[in-house]
Amino acid sequence: MSMKLFAEVLGTFILVLFGCGAAVIGGAAIGHTGIALAFGLAIVAAAYGLGAISGAHLNPAVSFGMVAAGRMTLPDAIAYAVAQTLGAILGAGALVLITSGSAGWTGGLGANGYGPGYLGEYSLTAALVFEGVMTFVFVTVILGATGRGAATGFAGLAIGLTLAAIHLVGINVTGVSLNPARSIGPALLSGGAALAQLWVFLVAPVAGGLVAGALYKAGLTRAD
């Protein structure tokens, strides 16, 4: 495995362990604000710690958005997506080992979802629109913050804060994915509704990322 792919495995592992861990372990004690910050700060940590190696995509929607933007080849994006998914599964696995040590653990892993019984009980349409639109916004910020003319050294902060802000808006809607890998890890180990609804968190984020990349390539969302 190349260093780039290993960095994507490790970075996505960190994202899932910190973000989903905050939801499962911190829960009501830290609230939605704390969970949002955990996801955002995990991205900041990975961006500055691993970004120089792989770009710290940590998300297939970002990698495929980069393809649509003309900044990455499709074979490289597929390799990144596989590495990211592996990292997410390992992160969810580590979370199982930690949380199962508590007598109060109910089996939750911070999986994404929608509909009756899930947080705000939002509809399928709401879930699809939220995930697609917010991934478009997220990937647009990433492309702009890492593109030519962007302020040097601030990309990690911009990306992490954007992810935190999106979580503040949308945790009640879907738990916030924007990231197929982040959804796959917890869903595979949780099963049930999380696995049955997983397709939403594969299709909508990738679609949003592709649209963001296409608009960036067309020059509609970049400065140069």
Protein backbone atom coordinates (compact mmCIF):
# COMPACT_ATOMS: atom_id res chain seq x y z
CA MET A 1 0.00 0.00 0.00
CA SER A 2 1.37 3.42 -0.95
CA MET A 3 1.84 6.16 1.61
CA LYS A 4 -0.99 8.14 0.02
CA LEU A 5 -3.45 5.29 0.45
CA PHE A 6 -2.24 4.56 3.97
CA ALA A 7 -2.79 8.25 4.83
CA GLU A 8 -6.38 7.98 3.54
CA VAL A 9 -6.95 4.84 5.63
CA LEU A 10 -5.57 6.50 8.75
CA GLY A 11 -7.33 9.81 8.19
CA THR A 12 -10.74 8.22 7.66
CA PHE A 13 -10.14 6.00 10.69
CA ILE A 14 -9.57 9.16 12.73
CA LEU A 15 -12.69 10.83 11.32
CA VAL A 16 -14.98 7.91 12.18
CA LEU A 17 -13.41 7.18 15.56
CA PHE A 18 -13.55 10.83 16.69
CA GLY A 19 -16.82 11.87 15.07
CA CYS A 20 -18.92 8.77 15.64
CA GLY A 21 -17.17 8.25 18.94
CA ALA A 22 -18.34 11.66 20.10
CA ALA A 23 -21.91 10.72 19.19
CA VAL A 24 -21.81 7.32 20.88
CA ILE A 25 -19.58 7.97 23.89
CA GLY A 26 -20.16 11.70 24.45
CA GLY A 27 -23.83 11.65 23.45
CA ALA A 28 -26.09 13.82 25.54
CA ALA A 29 -23.16 14.97 27.67
CA ILE A 30 -21.72 17.02 24.80
CA GLY A 31 -24.85 17.47 22.67
CA HIS A 32 -25.05 18.25 18.98
CA THR A 33 -22.56 21.09 19.28
CA GLY A 34 -19.94 18.81 20.74
CA ILE A 35 -20.53 16.15 18.10
CA ALA A 36 -20.32 18.75 15.33
CA LEU A 37 -17.03 20.05 16.72
CA ALA A 38 -15.64 16.52 16.98
CA PHE A 39 -16.26 15.86 13.28
CA GLY A 40 -14.88 19.27 12.31
CA LEU A 41 -11.80 19.04 14.51
CA ALA A 42 -11.07 15.52 13.28
CA ILE A 43 -10.95 16.91 9.74
CA VAL A 44 -8.67 19.74 10.87
CA ALA A 45 -6.32 17.27 12.56
CA ALA A 46 -6.20 14.98 9.53
CA ALA A 47 -5.83 17.86 7.08
CA TYR A 48 -2.79 19.30 8.82
CA GLY A 49 -1.33 15.95 9.87
CA LEU A 50 -1.86 13.99 6.65
CA GLY A 51 -2.82 16.52 3.99
CA ALA A 52 0.72 16.88 2.69
CA ILE A 53 0.80 13.15 1.95
CA SER A 54 -2.54 12.42 0.29
CA GLY A 55 -4.52 15.66 0.34
CA ALA A 56 -6.62 14.18 3.19
CA HIS A 57 -9.78 13.61 1.15
CA LEU A 58 -11.09 11.02 3.66
CA ASN A 59 -14.28 10.84 1.60
CA PRO A 60 -15.17 9.19 -1.73
CA ALA A 61 -17.48 12.10 -2.56
CA VAL A 62 -14.49 14.44 -2.32
CA SER A 63 -12.26 12.17 -4.40
CA PHE A 64 -14.87 11.75 -7.15
CA GLY A 65 -15.54 15.49 -6.98
CA MET A 66 -11.84 15.98 -7.65
CA VAL A 67 -12.19 13.76 -10.73
CA ALA A 68 -15.09 15.86 -12.00
CA ALA A 69 -13.01 18.99 -11.34
CA GLY A 70 -10.14 17.61 -13.42
CA ARG A 71 -7.81 17.43 -10.43
CA MET A 72 -7.60 13.63 -10.04
CA THR A 73 -7.76 10.56 -12.26
CA LEU A 74 -10.61 8.07 -11.93
CA PRO A 75 -8.32 5.10 -11.07
CA ASP A 76 -6.70 7.14 -8.29
CA ALA A 77 -10.11 8.15 -6.96
CA ILE A 78 -11.28 4.55 -6.89
CA ALA A 79 -8.13 3.53 -4.99
CA TYR A 80 -8.71 6.39 -2.55
CA ALA A 81 -12.35 5.34 -2.06
CA VAL A 82 -11.33 1.78 -1.23
CA ALA A 83 -8.74 3.05 1.26
CA GLN A 84 -11.23 5.45 2.82
CA THR A 85 -13.83 2.72 3.21
CA LEU A 86 -11.27 0.44 4.85
CA GLY A 87 -10.33 3.23 7.26
CA ALA A 88 -13.98 3.82 8.14
CA ILE A 89 -14.57 0.13 8.83
CA LEU A 90 -11.47 0.00 11.04
CA GLY A 91 -12.63 3.14 12.85
CA ALA A 92 -16.07 1.64 13.48
CA GLY A 93 -14.40 -1.58 14.63
CA ALA A 94 -12.23 0.27 17.11
CA LEU A 95 -15.33 2.06 18.37
CA VAL A 96 -17.04 -1.30 18.95
CA LEU A 97 -14.08 -2.50 21.01
CA ILE A 98 -14.20 0.66 23.13
CA THR A 99 -17.95 1.08 23.60
CA SER A 100 -18.63 -2.61 24.22
CA GLY A 101 -16.59 -2.18 27.39
CA SER A 102 -19.46 -0.17 28.87
CA ALA A 103 -22.43 -1.88 30.51
CA GLY A 104 -24.62 0.91 29.21
CA TRP A 105 -23.75 0.50 25.51
CA THR A 106 -26.84 -0.22 23.40
CA GLY A 107 -25.02 -1.15 20.20
CA GLY A 108 -25.15 2.26 18.49
CA LEU A 109 -22.22 3.34 16.33
CA GLY A 110 -23.38 6.73 15.08
CA ALA A 111 -24.81 5.26 11.87
CA ASN A 112 -26.66 7.57 9.49
CA GLY A 113 -30.36 7.20 8.85
CA TYR A 114 -33.74 8.85 8.37
CA GLY A 115 -37.43 8.20 8.88
CA PRO A 116 -39.45 6.89 11.82
CA GLY A 117 -37.36 6.14 14.90
CA TYR A 118 -34.29 8.07 13.72
CA LEU A 119 -33.59 11.40 15.47
CA GLY A 120 -35.85 14.03 13.84
CA GLU A 121 -37.70 11.40 11.76
CA TYR A 122 -37.17 13.29 8.50
CA SER A 123 -38.44 11.82 5.23
CA LEU A 124 -36.45 10.06 2.51
CA THR A 125 -36.80 13.13 0.29
CA ALA A 126 -35.46 15.39 3.02
CA ALA A 127 -32.53 13.04 3.55
CA LEU A 128 -31.66 12.91 -0.14
CA VAL A 129 -31.90 16.69 -0.57
CA PHE A 130 -29.93 17.43 2.58
CA GLU A 131 -27.13 15.01 1.78
CA GLY A 132 -26.88 16.04 -1.86
CA VAL A 133 -27.00 19.80 -1.29
CA MET A 134 -24.72 19.83 1.74
CA THR A 135 -22.15 17.60 0.06
CA PHE A 136 -22.19 19.99 -2.88
CA VAL A 137 -21.50 22.88 -0.49
CA PHE A 138 -18.80 20.93 1.35
CA VAL A 139 -16.94 19.82 -1.78
CA THR A 140 -17.21 23.32 -3.27
CA VAL A 141 -15.50 24.71 -0.16
CA ILE A 142 -12.79 22.04 -0.38
CA LEU A 143 -12.10 22.74 -4.05
CA GLY A 144 -11.96 26.47 -3.44
CA ALA A 145 -9.87 26.27 -0.28
CA THR A 146 -7.30 24.02 -1.95
CA GLY A 147 -7.30 25.64 -5.39
CA ARG A 148 -5.09 28.26 -6.95
CA GLY A 149 -5.43 31.66 -5.33
CA ALA A 150 -6.62 30.27 -1.98
CA ALA A 151 -5.09 31.60 1.23
CA THR A 152 -2.09 29.45 2.09
CA GLY A 153 -2.30 27.36 5.24
CA PHE A 154 -5.99 27.88 5.99
CA ALA A 155 -7.61 25.09 3.97
CA GLY A 156 -7.78 22.67 6.90
CA LEU A 157 -9.55 25.21 9.10
CA ALA A 158 -12.01 26.24 6.38
CA ILE A 159 -12.90 22.62 5.62
CA GLY A 160 -13.17 21.54 9.24
CA LEU A 161 -15.31 24.51 10.24
CA THR A 162 -17.60 23.96 7.26
CA LEU A 163 -18.12 20.34 8.25
CA ALA A 164 -18.85 21.38 11.84
CA ALA A 165 -21.38 23.98 10.65
CA ILE A 166 -23.14 21.44 8.44
CA HIS A 167 -23.41 19.07 11.41
CA LEU A 168 -24.95 21.84 13.52
CA VAL A 169 -27.64 22.21 10.88
CA GLY A 170 -28.27 18.62 9.97
CA ILE A 171 -27.61 16.11 12.74
CA ASN A 172 -31.35 15.75 13.33
CA VAL A 173 -31.98 15.11 9.62
CA THR A 174 -29.61 12.23 8.82
CA GLY A 175 -26.88 12.31 11.46
CA VAL A 176 -24.89 13.94 8.62
CA SER A 177 -22.90 11.77 6.27
CA LEU A 178 -21.71 13.72 3.19
CA ASN A 179 -19.32 10.77 3.02
CA PRO A 180 -20.06 7.23 1.78
CA ALA A 181 -17.09 5.77 3.66
CA ARG A 182 -18.15 7.36 6.96
CA SER A 183 -21.59 5.76 6.48
CA ILE A 184 -20.38 2.34 5.34
CA GLY A 185 -18.22 1.63 8.41
CA PRO A 186 -20.90 2.02 11.10
CA ALA A 187 -23.65 0.56 8.87
CA LEU A 188 -21.76 -2.66 8.16
CA LEU A 189 -21.17 -3.26 11.86
CA SER A 190 -24.63 -2.10 12.94
CA GLY A 191 -26.74 -3.88 10.32
CA GLY A 192 -30.51 -3.50 10.33
CA ALA A 193 -31.98 -0.17 9.22
CA ALA A 194 -28.55 1.45 8.93
CA LEU A 195 -27.55 -1.09 6.28
CA ALA A 196 -30.93 -1.00 4.51
CA GLN A 197 -30.78 2.80 4.21
CA LEU A 198 -27.09 2.94 3.28
CA TRP A 199 -27.80 3.52 -0.43
CA VAL A 200 -28.98 7.06 0.37
CA PHE A 201 -25.59 7.89 1.84
CA LEU A 202 -23.78 6.48 -1.16
CA VAL A 203 -25.85 8.05 -3.94
CA ALA A 204 -26.62 11.55 -2.61
CA PRO A 205 -23.11 12.51 -1.45
CA VAL A 206 -21.43 11.25 -4.62
CA ALA A 207 -23.97 13.14 -6.73
CA GLY A 208 -23.36 16.33 -4.74
CA GLY A 209 -19.60 15.94 -5.05
CA LEU A 210 -19.77 15.37 -8.81
CA VAL A 211 -21.91 18.47 -9.35
CA ALA A 212 -19.50 20.56 -7.25
CA GLY A 213 -16.55 19.25 -9.26
CA ALA A 214 -18.26 19.86 -12.60
CA LEU A 215 -19.14 23.46 -11.71
CA TYR A 216 -15.60 24.05 -10.48
CA LYS A 217 -14.14 22.71 -13.73
CA ALA A 218 -16.52 24.95 -15.68
CA GLY A 219 -15.10 27.93 -13.80
CA LEU A 220 -18.33 28.81 -12.02
CA THR A 221 -17.02 28.28 -8.48
CA ARG A 222 -13.32 29.15 -8.75
CA ALA A 223 -11.38 32.38 -8.83
CA ASP A 224 -8.87 31.58 -11.61
